[in-house]
């Protein structure tokens, strides 16, 4: 299979998309991507009869850790049409997380991400792409490159008071996020989960303004409710959006905010126990109907959402002005 394209053919293809001095004199060709550390800059990956020129490893911004390298995720140029692509190679990891007394076993599943890519072809709230097997059977995902910023960076970069944000910006943000929740409902109805719902796993497409879910190769097992992990993730994002960022005890103490005396452990996030979800006590203009939704994700909650349609229904009540 390595002789599918000669070195001269690859050089000619690459020269259509790169300046002459940037075209390698010889390419290292990969048909087996098992060892993703070996797939490096200026190499060529042959996948499904197409040649992809590997560029940089992808980097991830997460919880203040800027530029965390993901060695199994490569940016690449499709040498057949010059389009930018993201190539996700097979990488397995597993961990256990406990939330609200429930234990979730989480693990990466390329097969599951491949299924969702197939199910969501053309869906406006999911990254687009396809899967292909390399010559040893590894399920590689070939994704469209999305130009845009993550939702968390978009919110963090806003320069205004919370009150101005809540009345002038948040309604539009919530409308877009509701589309994301409905997209998760769509895959839940198919018996699938996203598996790693975080605010940096929503990209805002620079060209269309659409909110797009990315990185859904995690899967999770929980005997009581397979959708629970996704729902807690949606609650974390919603709280972040309502608060225009995370609101922590340290923040309130630094500001000598009077609300600190009215808050308790029951008002903290059940997943991230250093973040408040009872935001109405900090921002009294937040309607009770919205705050009740947030409190489903608090340490003091006596019941949680079990299905996305319950969350959607309560948010629709808030948007409809119902208390």
C-alpha atoms as a PDB file:
ATOM      1  CA  UNK A   1       0.000   0.000   0.000  1.00  0.00           C
ATOM      2  CA  UNK A   2       2.959   2.339   0.566  1.00  0.00           C
ATOM      3  CA  UNK A   3       3.526   2.440  -3.203  1.00  0.00           C
ATOM      4  CA  UNK A   4       0.042   3.904  -3.800  1.00  0.00           C
ATOM      5  CA  UNK A   5       1.721   7.252  -4.440  1.00  0.00           C
ATOM      6  CA  UNK A   6       5.331   7.635  -5.527  1.00  0.00           C
ATOM      7  CA  UNK A   7       7.623  10.166  -3.895  1.00  0.00           C
ATOM      8  CA  UNK A   8       7.488  12.293  -7.044  1.00  0.00           C
ATOM      9  CA  UNK A   9       3.684  12.213  -7.105  1.00  0.00           C
ATOM     10  CA  UNK A  10       3.549  13.309  -3.465  1.00  0.00           C
ATOM     11  CA  UNK A  11       6.011  16.133  -4.130  1.00  0.00           C
ATOM     12  CA  UNK A  12       3.918  17.334  -7.051  1.00  0.00           C
ATOM     13  CA  UNK A  13       0.731  17.193  -4.995  1.00  0.00           C
ATOM     14  CA  UNK A  14       2.320  19.042  -2.072  1.00  0.00           C
ATOM     15  CA  UNK A  15       3.742  21.737  -4.365  1.00  0.00           C
ATOM     16  CA  UNK A  16       0.196  22.783  -5.271  1.00  0.00           C
ATOM     17  CA  UNK A  17      -0.468  23.839  -1.690  1.00  0.00           C
ATOM     18  CA  UNK A  18       2.952  24.753  -0.289  1.00  0.00           C
ATOM     19  CA  UNK A  19       5.708  27.155  -1.384  1.00  0.00           C
ATOM     20  CA  UNK A  20       8.465  25.326  -3.234  1.00  0.00           C
ATOM     21  CA  UNK A  21      11.006  25.682  -0.432  1.00  0.00           C
ATOM     22  CA  UNK A  22       8.563  24.074   2.016  1.00  0.00           C
ATOM     23  CA  UNK A  23       8.010  20.896   0.003  1.00  0.00           C
ATOM     24  CA  UNK A  24      10.005  18.009   1.546  1.00  0.00           C
ATOM     25  CA  UNK A  25      12.495  16.231  -0.679  1.00  0.00           C
ATOM     26  CA  UNK A  26      11.294  12.894   0.642  1.00  0.00           C
ATOM     27  CA  UNK A  27       8.246  11.864   2.608  1.00  0.00           C
ATOM     28  CA  UNK A  28       7.962   9.292   5.344  1.00  0.00           C
ATOM     29  CA  UNK A  29       4.727   7.435   4.599  1.00  0.00           C
ATOM     30  CA  UNK A  30       2.429   5.882   7.209  1.00  0.00           C
ATOM     31  CA  UNK A  31      -0.244   3.307   6.534  1.00  0.00           C
ATOM     32  CA  UNK A  32      -0.175   2.039  10.136  1.00  0.00           C
ATOM     33  CA  UNK A  33      -0.908   4.824  12.648  1.00  0.00           C
ATOM     34  CA  UNK A  34      -0.764   2.713  15.808  1.00  0.00           C
ATOM     35  CA  UNK A  35       2.286   4.567  17.161  1.00  0.00           C
ATOM     36  CA  UNK A  36       0.966   8.103  16.808  1.00  0.00           C
ATOM     37  CA  UNK A  37       4.191   9.583  18.190  1.00  0.00           C
ATOM     38  CA  UNK A  38       5.928   8.425  14.992  1.00  0.00           C
ATOM     39  CA  UNK A  39       3.501  10.351  12.770  1.00  0.00           C
ATOM     40  CA  UNK A  40       5.300  13.672  12.577  1.00  0.00           C
ATOM     41  CA  UNK A  41       5.498  16.987  10.740  1.00  0.00           C
ATOM     42  CA  UNK A  42       5.899  16.621   6.945  1.00  0.00           C
ATOM     43  CA  UNK A  43       5.038  12.901   7.063  1.00  0.00           C
ATOM     44  CA  UNK A  44       2.233  11.589   4.875  1.00  0.00           C
ATOM     45  CA  UNK A  45      -0.605   9.430   6.208  1.00  0.00           C
ATOM     46  CA  UNK A  46      -2.386   7.317   3.616  1.00  0.00           C
ATOM     47  CA  UNK A  47      -5.985   6.853   4.714  1.00  0.00           C
ATOM     48  CA  UNK A  48      -8.804   5.492   2.611  1.00  0.00           C
ATOM     49  CA  UNK A  49      -6.922   6.043  -0.620  1.00  0.00           C
ATOM     50  CA  UNK A  50      -6.121   9.674   0.184  1.00  0.00           C
ATOM     51  CA  UNK A  51      -2.831  11.289   1.149  1.00  0.00           C
ATOM     52  CA  UNK A  52      -2.689  13.707   4.101  1.00  0.00           C
ATOM     53  CA  UNK A  53       0.390  15.832   4.763  1.00  0.00           C
ATOM     54  CA  UNK A  54       0.862  16.033   8.515  1.00  0.00           C
ATOM     55  CA  UNK A  55       1.435  19.453  10.023  1.00  0.00           C
ATOM     56  CA  UNK A  56       1.360  20.240  13.737  1.00  0.00           C
ATOM     57  CA  UNK A  57      -0.021  18.306  16.700  1.00  0.00           C
ATOM     58  CA  UNK A  58      -3.259  19.790  17.965  1.00  0.00           C
ATOM     59  CA  UNK A  59      -3.217  21.740  21.195  1.00  0.00           C
ATOM     60  CA  UNK A  60      -5.903  22.118  23.789  1.00  0.00           C
ATOM     61  CA  UNK A  61      -6.842  24.906  26.181  1.00  0.00           C
ATOM     62  CA  UNK A  62      -8.315  23.479  29.360  1.00  0.00           C
ATOM     63  CA  UNK A  63      -8.786  24.962  32.831  1.00  0.00           C
ATOM     64  CA  UNK A  64      -5.888  27.371  32.473  1.00  0.00           C
ATOM     65  CA  UNK A  65      -3.493  24.831  30.897  1.00  0.00           C
ATOM     66  CA  UNK A  66      -2.786  26.612  27.633  1.00  0.00           C
ATOM     67  CA  UNK A  67      -1.373  24.696  24.679  1.00  0.00           C
ATOM     68  CA  UNK A  68      -1.573  21.196  26.116  1.00  0.00           C
ATOM     69  CA  UNK A  69      -0.327  19.034  23.256  1.00  0.00           C
ATOM     70  CA  UNK A  70      -2.559  16.189  22.035  1.00  0.00           C
ATOM     71  CA  UNK A  71      -0.048  13.975  20.238  1.00  0.00           C
ATOM     72  CA  UNK A  72      -2.735  11.684  18.810  1.00  0.00           C
ATOM     73  CA  UNK A  73      -4.519  14.577  17.076  1.00  0.00           C
ATOM     74  CA  UNK A  74      -2.827  16.010  13.980  1.00  0.00           C
ATOM     75  CA  UNK A  75      -3.552  18.927  11.741  1.00  0.00           C
ATOM     76  CA  UNK A  76      -3.077  17.960   8.128  1.00  0.00           C
ATOM     77  CA  UNK A  77      -3.502  19.074   4.532  1.00  0.00           C
ATOM     78  CA  UNK A  78      -5.553  16.916   2.213  1.00  0.00           C
ATOM     79  CA  UNK A  79      -3.123  16.750  -0.710  1.00  0.00           C
ATOM     80  CA  UNK A  80      -5.970  16.118  -3.145  1.00  0.00           C
ATOM     81  CA  UNK A  81      -7.811  19.402  -2.616  1.00  0.00           C
ATOM     82  CA  UNK A  82      -5.683  21.469  -0.220  1.00  0.00           C
ATOM     83  CA  UNK A  83      -8.285  21.503   2.528  1.00  0.00           C
ATOM     84  CA  UNK A  84      -7.252  21.556   6.168  1.00  0.00           C
ATOM     85  CA  UNK A  85      -8.225  18.517   8.165  1.00  0.00           C
ATOM     86  CA  UNK A  86      -7.897  17.279  11.740  1.00  0.00           C
ATOM     87  CA  UNK A  87      -6.740  13.667  11.935  1.00  0.00           C
ATOM     88  CA  UNK A  88      -7.606  11.866  15.175  1.00  0.00           C
ATOM     89  CA  UNK A  89      -5.580   8.713  15.670  1.00  0.00           C
ATOM     90  CA  UNK A  90      -6.437   5.928  18.101  1.00  0.00           C
ATOM     91  CA  UNK A  91      -5.576   6.680  21.724  1.00  0.00           C
ATOM     92  CA  UNK A  92      -7.013   4.729  24.653  1.00  0.00           C
ATOM     93  CA  UNK A  93      -7.290   5.938  28.236  1.00  0.00           C
ATOM     94  CA  UNK A  94      -9.652   5.233  31.114  1.00  0.00           C
ATOM     95  CA  UNK A  95     -10.523   6.820  34.454  1.00  0.00           C
ATOM     96  CA  UNK A  96     -13.216   6.691  37.124  1.00  0.00           C
ATOM     97  CA  UNK A  97     -15.071   9.757  38.392  1.00  0.00           C
ATOM     98  CA  UNK A  98     -17.591  10.074  41.217  1.00  0.00           C
ATOM     99  CA  UNK A  99     -20.365  12.684  41.075  1.00  0.00           C
ATOM    100  CA  UNK A 100     -23.171  12.965  43.603  1.00  0.00           C
ATOM    101  CA  UNK A 101     -22.469   9.504  44.973  1.00  0.00           C
ATOM    102  CA  UNK A 102     -22.583   7.961  41.482  1.00  0.00           C
ATOM    103  CA  UNK A 103     -19.489   6.371  39.962  1.00  0.00           C
ATOM    104  CA  UNK A 104     -18.797   6.840  36.260  1.00  0.00           C
ATOM    105  CA  UNK A 105     -16.207   4.799  34.386  1.00  0.00           C
ATOM    106  CA  UNK A 106     -14.978   6.877  31.461  1.00  0.00           C
ATOM    107  CA  UNK A 107     -12.898   5.645  28.536  1.00  0.00           C
ATOM    108  CA  UNK A 108     -11.979   6.686  25.006  1.00  0.00           C
ATOM    109  CA  UNK A 109     -13.808   4.891  22.216  1.00  0.00           C
ATOM    110  CA  UNK A 110     -12.864   5.665  18.596  1.00  0.00           C
ATOM    111  CA  UNK A 111     -15.684   3.361  17.492  1.00  0.00           C
ATOM    112  CA  UNK A 112     -18.250   5.425  19.374  1.00  0.00           C
ATOM    113  CA  UNK A 113     -16.998   8.727  17.921  1.00  0.00           C
ATOM    114  CA  UNK A 114     -17.107   7.195  14.461  1.00  0.00           C
ATOM    115  CA  UNK A 115     -20.747   6.205  14.996  1.00  0.00           C
ATOM    116  CA  UNK A 116     -21.729   9.693  16.107  1.00  0.00           C
ATOM    117  CA  UNK A 117     -19.939  11.282  13.151  1.00  0.00           C
ATOM    118  CA  UNK A 118     -22.058   9.059  10.942  1.00  0.00           C
ATOM    119  CA  UNK A 119     -25.298   9.802  12.808  1.00  0.00           C
ATOM    120  CA  UNK A 120     -24.730  13.576  12.806  1.00  0.00           C
ATOM    121  CA  UNK A 121     -23.657  14.111   9.208  1.00  0.00           C
ATOM    122  CA  UNK A 122     -25.092  17.492   8.224  1.00  0.00           C
ATOM    123  CA  UNK A 123     -26.147  18.394  11.780  1.00  0.00           C
ATOM    124  CA  UNK A 124     -25.481  22.077  12.404  1.00  0.00           C
ATOM    125  CA  UNK A 125     -24.325  21.591  16.007  1.00  0.00           C
ATOM    126  CA  UNK A 126     -21.713  18.855  15.537  1.00  0.00           C
ATOM    127  CA  UNK A 127     -18.254  18.855  14.010  1.00  0.00           C
ATOM    128  CA  UNK A 128     -18.281  17.105  10.656  1.00  0.00           C
ATOM    129  CA  UNK A 129     -16.071  14.348   9.330  1.00  0.00           C
ATOM    130  CA  UNK A 130     -15.811  10.648   8.660  1.00  0.00           C
ATOM    131  CA  UNK A 131     -13.926   7.606   9.897  1.00  0.00           C
ATOM    132  CA  UNK A 132     -11.611   5.306   8.003  1.00  0.00           C
ATOM    133  CA  UNK A 133      -9.527   2.292   9.011  1.00  0.00           C
ATOM    134  CA  UNK A 134      -5.792   2.264   8.436  1.00  0.00           C
ATOM    135  CA  UNK A 135      -4.156  -0.922   7.150  1.00  0.00           C
ATOM    136  CA  UNK A 136      -4.021  -2.450  10.651  1.00  0.00           C
ATOM    137  CA  UNK A 137      -7.649  -1.668  11.490  1.00  0.00           C
ATOM    138  CA  UNK A 138      -7.207   1.472  13.618  1.00  0.00           C
ATOM    139  CA  UNK A 139     -10.291   3.672  13.378  1.00  0.00           C
ATOM    140  CA  UNK A 140      -8.979   7.079  12.301  1.00  0.00           C
ATOM    141  CA  UNK A 141     -11.301  10.062  12.224  1.00  0.00           C
ATOM    142  CA  UNK A 142     -10.815  12.663   9.488  1.00  0.00           C
ATOM    143  CA  UNK A 143     -12.485  15.909  10.556  1.00  0.00           C
ATOM    144  CA  UNK A 144     -13.248  19.244   8.956  1.00  0.00           C
ATOM    145  CA  UNK A 145     -11.058  22.000  10.376  1.00  0.00           C
ATOM    146  CA  UNK A 146     -13.202  24.545  12.265  1.00  0.00           C
ATOM    147  CA  UNK A 147     -12.029  28.149  12.333  1.00  0.00           C
ATOM    148  CA  UNK A 148     -13.223  29.710  15.551  1.00  0.00           C
ATOM    149  CA  UNK A 149     -12.785  29.973  19.297  1.00  0.00           C
ATOM    150  CA  UNK A 150     -13.988  27.877  22.193  1.00  0.00           C
ATOM    151  CA  UNK A 151     -17.093  28.950  24.056  1.00  0.00           C
ATOM    152  CA  UNK A 152     -15.222  29.479  27.310  1.00  0.00           C
ATOM    153  CA  UNK A 153     -12.671  31.827  25.725  1.00  0.00           C
ATOM    154  CA  UNK A 154     -15.464  33.748  23.999  1.00  0.00           C
ATOM    155  CA  UNK A 155     -17.191  34.399  27.328  1.00  0.00           C
ATOM    156  CA  UNK A 156     -13.963  35.145  29.193  1.00  0.00           C
ATOM    157  CA  UNK A 157     -12.971  37.747  26.609  1.00  0.00           C
ATOM    158  CA  UNK A 158     -16.131  39.795  27.058  1.00  0.00           C
ATOM    159  CA  UNK A 159     -15.449  43.167  28.671  1.00  0.00           C
ATOM    160  CA  UNK A 160     -18.589  44.346  30.434  1.00  0.00           C
ATOM    161  CA  UNK A 161     -20.397  44.132  33.739  1.00  0.00           C
ATOM    162  CA  UNK A 162     -22.310  40.974  34.566  1.00  0.00           C
ATOM    163  CA  UNK A 163     -25.613  42.852  34.559  1.00  0.00           C
ATOM    164  CA  UNK A 164     -24.978  44.241  31.070  1.00  0.00           C
ATOM    165  CA  UNK A 165     -23.952  40.782  29.893  1.00  0.00           C
ATOM    166  CA  UNK A 166     -26.982  39.089  31.434  1.00  0.00           C
ATOM    167  CA  UNK A 167     -29.515  41.382  29.778  1.00  0.00           C
ATOM    168  CA  UNK A 168     -27.801  42.171  26.482  1.00  0.00           C
ATOM    169  CA  UNK A 169     -25.631  39.168  25.580  1.00  0.00           C
ATOM    170  CA  UNK A 170     -26.770  36.134  27.561  1.00  0.00           C
ATOM    171  CA  UNK A 171     -30.149  35.727  25.770  1.00  0.00           C
ATOM    172  CA  UNK A 172     -28.366  35.140  22.459  1.00  0.00           C
ATOM    173  CA  UNK A 173     -25.747  32.894  24.093  1.00  0.00           C
ATOM    174  CA  UNK A 174     -28.514  30.832  25.686  1.00  0.00           C
ATOM    175  CA  UNK A 175     -30.342  30.493  22.364  1.00  0.00           C
ATOM    176  CA  UNK A 176     -27.216  29.041  20.802  1.00  0.00           C
ATOM    177  CA  UNK A 177     -26.561  26.803  23.804  1.00  0.00           C
ATOM    178  CA  UNK A 178     -30.131  25.511  23.693  1.00  0.00           C
ATOM    179  CA  UNK A 179     -29.309  24.269  20.202  1.00  0.00           C
ATOM    180  CA  UNK A 180     -26.365  22.405  21.717  1.00  0.00           C
ATOM    181  CA  UNK A 181     -28.566  20.828  24.390  1.00  0.00           C
ATOM    182  CA  UNK A 182     -31.073  19.767  21.742  1.00  0.00           C
ATOM    183  CA  UNK A 183     -28.190  18.260  19.756  1.00  0.00           C
ATOM    184  CA  UNK A 184     -27.226  16.171  22.781  1.00  0.00           C
ATOM    185  CA  UNK A 185     -30.872  15.159  23.136  1.00  0.00           C
ATOM    186  CA  UNK A 186     -30.721  14.010  19.508  1.00  0.00           C
ATOM    187  CA  UNK A 187     -27.858  11.573  20.133  1.00  0.00           C
ATOM    188  CA  UNK A 188     -29.325  10.473  23.479  1.00  0.00           C
ATOM    189  CA  UNK A 189     -32.447   9.405  21.594  1.00  0.00           C
ATOM    190  CA  UNK A 190     -30.143   7.199  19.517  1.00  0.00           C
ATOM    191  CA  UNK A 191     -28.715   5.655  22.684  1.00  0.00           C
ATOM    192  CA  UNK A 192     -25.411   7.530  22.383  1.00  0.00           C
ATOM    193  CA  UNK A 193     -23.676  10.045  24.660  1.00  0.00           C
ATOM    194  CA  UNK A 194     -21.151  12.808  24.073  1.00  0.00           C
ATOM    195  CA  UNK A 195     -19.093  11.584  27.025  1.00  0.00           C
ATOM    196  CA  UNK A 196     -16.918  14.657  27.628  1.00  0.00           C
ATOM    197  CA  UNK A 197     -19.177  17.708  27.757  1.00  0.00           C
ATOM    198  CA  UNK A 198     -17.125  20.783  28.602  1.00  0.00           C
ATOM    199  CA  UNK A 199     -17.314  24.414  27.614  1.00  0.00           C
ATOM    200  CA  UNK A 200     -14.061  24.105  25.642  1.00  0.00           C
ATOM    201  CA  UNK A 201     -15.666  21.299  23.646  1.00  0.00           C
ATOM    202  CA  UNK A 202     -18.008  23.787  22.014  1.00  0.00           C
ATOM    203  CA  UNK A 203     -16.426  25.744  19.184  1.00  0.00           C
ATOM    204  CA  UNK A 204     -18.041  28.878  17.760  1.00  0.00           C
ATOM    205  CA  UNK A 205     -17.605  28.729  14.005  1.00  0.00           C
ATOM    206  CA  UNK A 206     -16.090  32.016  12.836  1.00  0.00           C
ATOM    207  CA  UNK A 207     -17.926  31.922   9.500  1.00  0.00           C
ATOM    208  CA  UNK A 208     -21.417  30.866  10.598  1.00  0.00           C
ATOM    209  CA  UNK A 209     -21.547  31.738  14.312  1.00  0.00           C
ATOM    210  CA  UNK A 210     -22.853  28.243  15.029  1.00  0.00           C
ATOM    211  CA  UNK A 211     -21.976  26.436  18.245  1.00  0.00           C
ATOM    212  CA  UNK A 212     -20.417  23.060  17.400  1.00  0.00           C
ATOM    213  CA  UNK A 213     -19.782  20.072  19.642  1.00  0.00           C
ATOM    214  CA  UNK A 214     -16.328  18.562  19.197  1.00  0.00           C
ATOM    215  CA  UNK A 215     -14.380  15.655  20.721  1.00  0.00           C
ATOM    216  CA  UNK A 216     -16.991  13.027  21.537  1.00  0.00           C
ATOM    217  CA  UNK A 217     -14.736   9.992  21.661  1.00  0.00           C
ATOM    218  CA  UNK A 218     -15.194   9.505  25.410  1.00  0.00           C
ATOM    219  CA  UNK A 219     -17.770   7.003  26.572  1.00  0.00           C
ATOM    220  CA  UNK A 220     -18.960   6.353  30.108  1.00  0.00           C
ATOM    221  CA  UNK A 221     -20.700   3.582  32.011  1.00  0.00           C
ATOM    222  CA  UNK A 222     -23.033   4.177  34.922  1.00  0.00           C
ATOM    223  CA  UNK A 223     -25.608   1.592  35.906  1.00  0.00           C
ATOM    224  CA  UNK A 224     -28.346   3.975  36.961  1.00  0.00           C
ATOM    225  CA  UNK A 225     -28.382   6.460  34.083  1.00  0.00           C
ATOM    226  CA  UNK A 226     -26.095   6.366  31.060  1.00  0.00           C
ATOM    227  CA  UNK A 227     -26.935  10.006  30.289  1.00  0.00           C
ATOM    228  CA  UNK A 228     -26.092  11.349  33.752  1.00  0.00           C
ATOM    229  CA  UNK A 229     -22.491  12.278  32.971  1.00  0.00           C
ATOM    230  CA  UNK A 230     -23.582  14.344  29.963  1.00  0.00           C
ATOM    231  CA  UNK A 231     -26.254  16.097  32.024  1.00  0.00           C
ATOM    232  CA  UNK A 232     -23.792  17.149  34.710  1.00  0.00           C
ATOM    233  CA  UNK A 233     -21.567  18.505  31.949  1.00  0.00           C
ATOM    234  CA  UNK A 234     -24.439  20.534  30.495  1.00  0.00           C
ATOM    235  CA  UNK A 235     -25.159  21.931  33.955  1.00  0.00           C
ATOM    236  CA  UNK A 236     -21.540  22.993  34.390  1.00  0.00           C
ATOM    237  CA  UNK A 237     -21.583  24.867  31.087  1.00  0.00           C
ATOM    238  CA  UNK A 238     -24.940  26.490  31.829  1.00  0.00           C
ATOM    239  CA  UNK A 239     -23.709  27.728  35.206  1.00  0.00           C
ATOM    240  CA  UNK A 240     -20.587  29.153  33.568  1.00  0.00           C
ATOM    241  CA  UNK A 241     -22.708  30.950  30.965  1.00  0.00           C
ATOM    242  CA  UNK A 242     -25.167  32.396  33.484  1.00  0.00           C
ATOM    243  CA  UNK A 243     -22.336  33.589  35.726  1.00  0.00           C
ATOM    244  CA  UNK A 244     -20.248  34.952  32.836  1.00  0.00           C
ATOM    245  CA  UNK A 245     -17.488  32.758  34.237  1.00  0.00           C
ATOM    246  CA  UNK A 246     -16.880  30.691  37.339  1.00  0.00           C
ATOM    247  CA  UNK A 247     -17.841  32.262  40.669  1.00  0.00           C
ATOM    248  CA  UNK A 248     -15.713  30.878  43.508  1.00  0.00           C
ATOM    249  CA  UNK A 249     -15.565  31.489  47.272  1.00  0.00           C
ATOM    250  CA  UNK A 250     -12.084  32.932  46.748  1.00  0.00           C
ATOM    251  CA  UNK A 251     -13.443  35.456  44.242  1.00  0.00           C
ATOM    252  CA  UNK A 252     -16.202  36.596  46.574  1.00  0.00           C
ATOM    253  CA  UNK A 253     -13.851  36.818  49.513  1.00  0.00           C
ATOM    254  CA  UNK A 254     -11.386  38.901  47.495  1.00  0.00           C
ATOM    255  CA  UNK A 255     -14.193  41.284  46.508  1.00  0.00           C
ATOM    256  CA  UNK A 256     -15.615  41.282  50.056  1.00  0.00           C
ATOM    257  CA  UNK A 257     -18.921  40.448  48.423  1.00  0.00           C
ATOM    258  CA  UNK A 258     -21.857  40.554  50.881  1.00  0.00           C
ATOM    259  CA  UNK A 259     -23.357  37.411  49.310  1.00  0.00           C
ATOM    260  CA  UNK A 260     -20.603  35.269  50.794  1.00  0.00           C
ATOM    261  CA  UNK A 261     -22.305  35.306  54.195  1.00  0.00           C
ATOM    262  CA  UNK A 262     -25.544  34.037  52.631  1.00  0.00           C
ATOM    263  CA  UNK A 263     -23.981  31.083  50.822  1.00  0.00           C
ATOM    264  CA  UNK A 264     -23.189  27.612  52.099  1.00  0.00           C
ATOM    265  CA  UNK A 265     -21.745  24.329  50.878  1.00  0.00           C
ATOM    266  CA  UNK A 266     -25.166  23.378  49.535  1.00  0.00           C
ATOM    267  CA  UNK A 267     -24.832  26.233  47.032  1.00  0.00           C
ATOM    268  CA  UNK A 268     -21.636  24.827  45.494  1.00  0.00           C
ATOM    269  CA  UNK A 269     -21.376  22.851  42.259  1.00  0.00           C
ATOM    270  CA  UNK A 270     -21.683  19.108  42.853  1.00  0.00           C
ATOM    271  CA  UNK A 271     -18.890  18.384  40.341  1.00  0.00           C
ATOM    272  CA  UNK A 272     -16.543  21.319  40.950  1.00  0.00           C
ATOM    273  CA  UNK A 273     -16.917  21.966  44.637  1.00  0.00           C
ATOM    274  CA  UNK A 274     -15.146  25.332  44.504  1.00  0.00           C
ATOM    275  CA  UNK A 275     -17.737  26.977  42.241  1.00  0.00           C
ATOM    276  CA  UNK A 276     -21.109  28.411  43.229  1.00  0.00           C
ATOM    277  CA  UNK A 277     -24.274  27.530  41.328  1.00  0.00           C
ATOM    278  CA  UNK A 278     -26.736  29.498  43.479  1.00  0.00           C
ATOM    279  CA  UNK A 279     -26.046  32.594  41.411  1.00  0.00           C
ATOM    280  CA  UNK A 280     -29.260  34.418  42.288  1.00  0.00           C
ATOM    281  CA  UNK A 281     -27.821  35.120  45.741  1.00  0.00           C
ATOM    282  CA  UNK A 282     -24.916  36.860  44.044  1.00  0.00           C
ATOM    283  CA  UNK A 283     -26.854  38.487  41.203  1.00  0.00           C
ATOM    284  CA  UNK A 284     -30.418  39.100  42.487  1.00  0.00           C
ATOM    285  CA  UNK A 285     -31.718  40.015  39.016  1.00  0.00           C
ATOM    286  CA  UNK A 286     -31.307  36.396  37.849  1.00  0.00           C
ATOM    287  CA  UNK A 287     -34.891  35.030  37.696  1.00  0.00           C
ATOM    288  CA  UNK A 288     -35.866  32.313  40.140  1.00  0.00           C
ATOM    289  CA  UNK A 289     -36.940  30.047  37.257  1.00  0.00           C
ATOM    290  CA  UNK A 290     -33.404  30.055  35.875  1.00  0.00           C
ATOM    291  CA  UNK A 291     -31.778  29.711  39.269  1.00  0.00           C
ATOM    292  CA  UNK A 292     -33.902  26.640  40.005  1.00  0.00           C
ATOM    293  CA  UNK A 293     -32.383  24.989  36.950  1.00  0.00           C
ATOM    294  CA  UNK A 294     -28.886  25.718  38.231  1.00  0.00           C
ATOM    295  CA  UNK A 295     -29.697  24.333  41.668  1.00  0.00           C
ATOM    296  CA  UNK A 296     -30.249  20.891  40.142  1.00  0.00           C
ATOM    297  CA  UNK A 297     -26.448  20.809  39.866  1.00  0.00           C
ATOM    298  CA  UNK A 298     -25.720  21.889  43.439  1.00  0.00           C
ATOM    299  CA  UNK A 299     -24.388  20.018  46.458  1.00  0.00           C
ATOM    300  CA  UNK A 300     -27.759  20.551  48.124  1.00  0.00           C
ATOM    301  CA  UNK A 301     -29.852  19.139  45.290  1.00  0.00           C
ATOM    302  CA  UNK A 302     -32.276  16.386  46.277  1.00  0.00           C
ATOM    303  CA  UNK A 303     -32.967  15.390  42.687  1.00  0.00           C
ATOM    304  CA  UNK A 304     -31.063  15.619  39.418  1.00  0.00           C
ATOM    305  CA  UNK A 305     -32.068  15.788  35.794  1.00  0.00           C
ATOM    306  CA  UNK A 306     -32.167  12.334  34.268  1.00  0.00           C
ATOM    307  CA  UNK A 307     -32.999  13.280  30.678  1.00  0.00           C
ATOM    308  CA  UNK A 308     -32.188  16.240  28.465  1.00  0.00           C
ATOM    309  CA  UNK A 309     -35.851  16.905  27.730  1.00  0.00           C
ATOM    310  CA  UNK A 310     -36.373  17.763  31.415  1.00  0.00           C
ATOM    311  CA  UNK A 311     -33.578  20.345  31.249  1.00  0.00           C
ATOM    312  CA  UNK A 312     -34.897  21.742  27.978  1.00  0.00           C
ATOM    313  CA  UNK A 313     -38.425  22.038  29.388  1.00  0.00           C
ATOM    314  CA  UNK A 314     -37.271  24.007  32.435  1.00  0.00           C
ATOM    315  CA  UNK A 315     -35.109  26.334  30.347  1.00  0.00           C
ATOM    316  CA  UNK A 316     -38.037  26.942  28.008  1.00  0.00           C
ATOM    317  CA  UNK A 317     -40.131  27.958  31.023  1.00  0.00           C
ATOM    318  CA  UNK A 318     -37.489  30.531  31.923  1.00  0.00           C
ATOM    319  CA  UNK A 319     -37.304  31.825  28.357  1.00  0.00           C
ATOM    320  CA  UNK A 320     -41.089  32.055  28.321  1.00  0.00           C
ATOM    321  CA  UNK A 321     -41.020  34.232  31.443  1.00  0.00           C
ATOM    322  CA  UNK A 322     -42.620  31.620  33.691  1.00  0.00           C
ATOM    323  CA  UNK A 323     -41.584  31.495  37.341  1.00  0.00           C
END
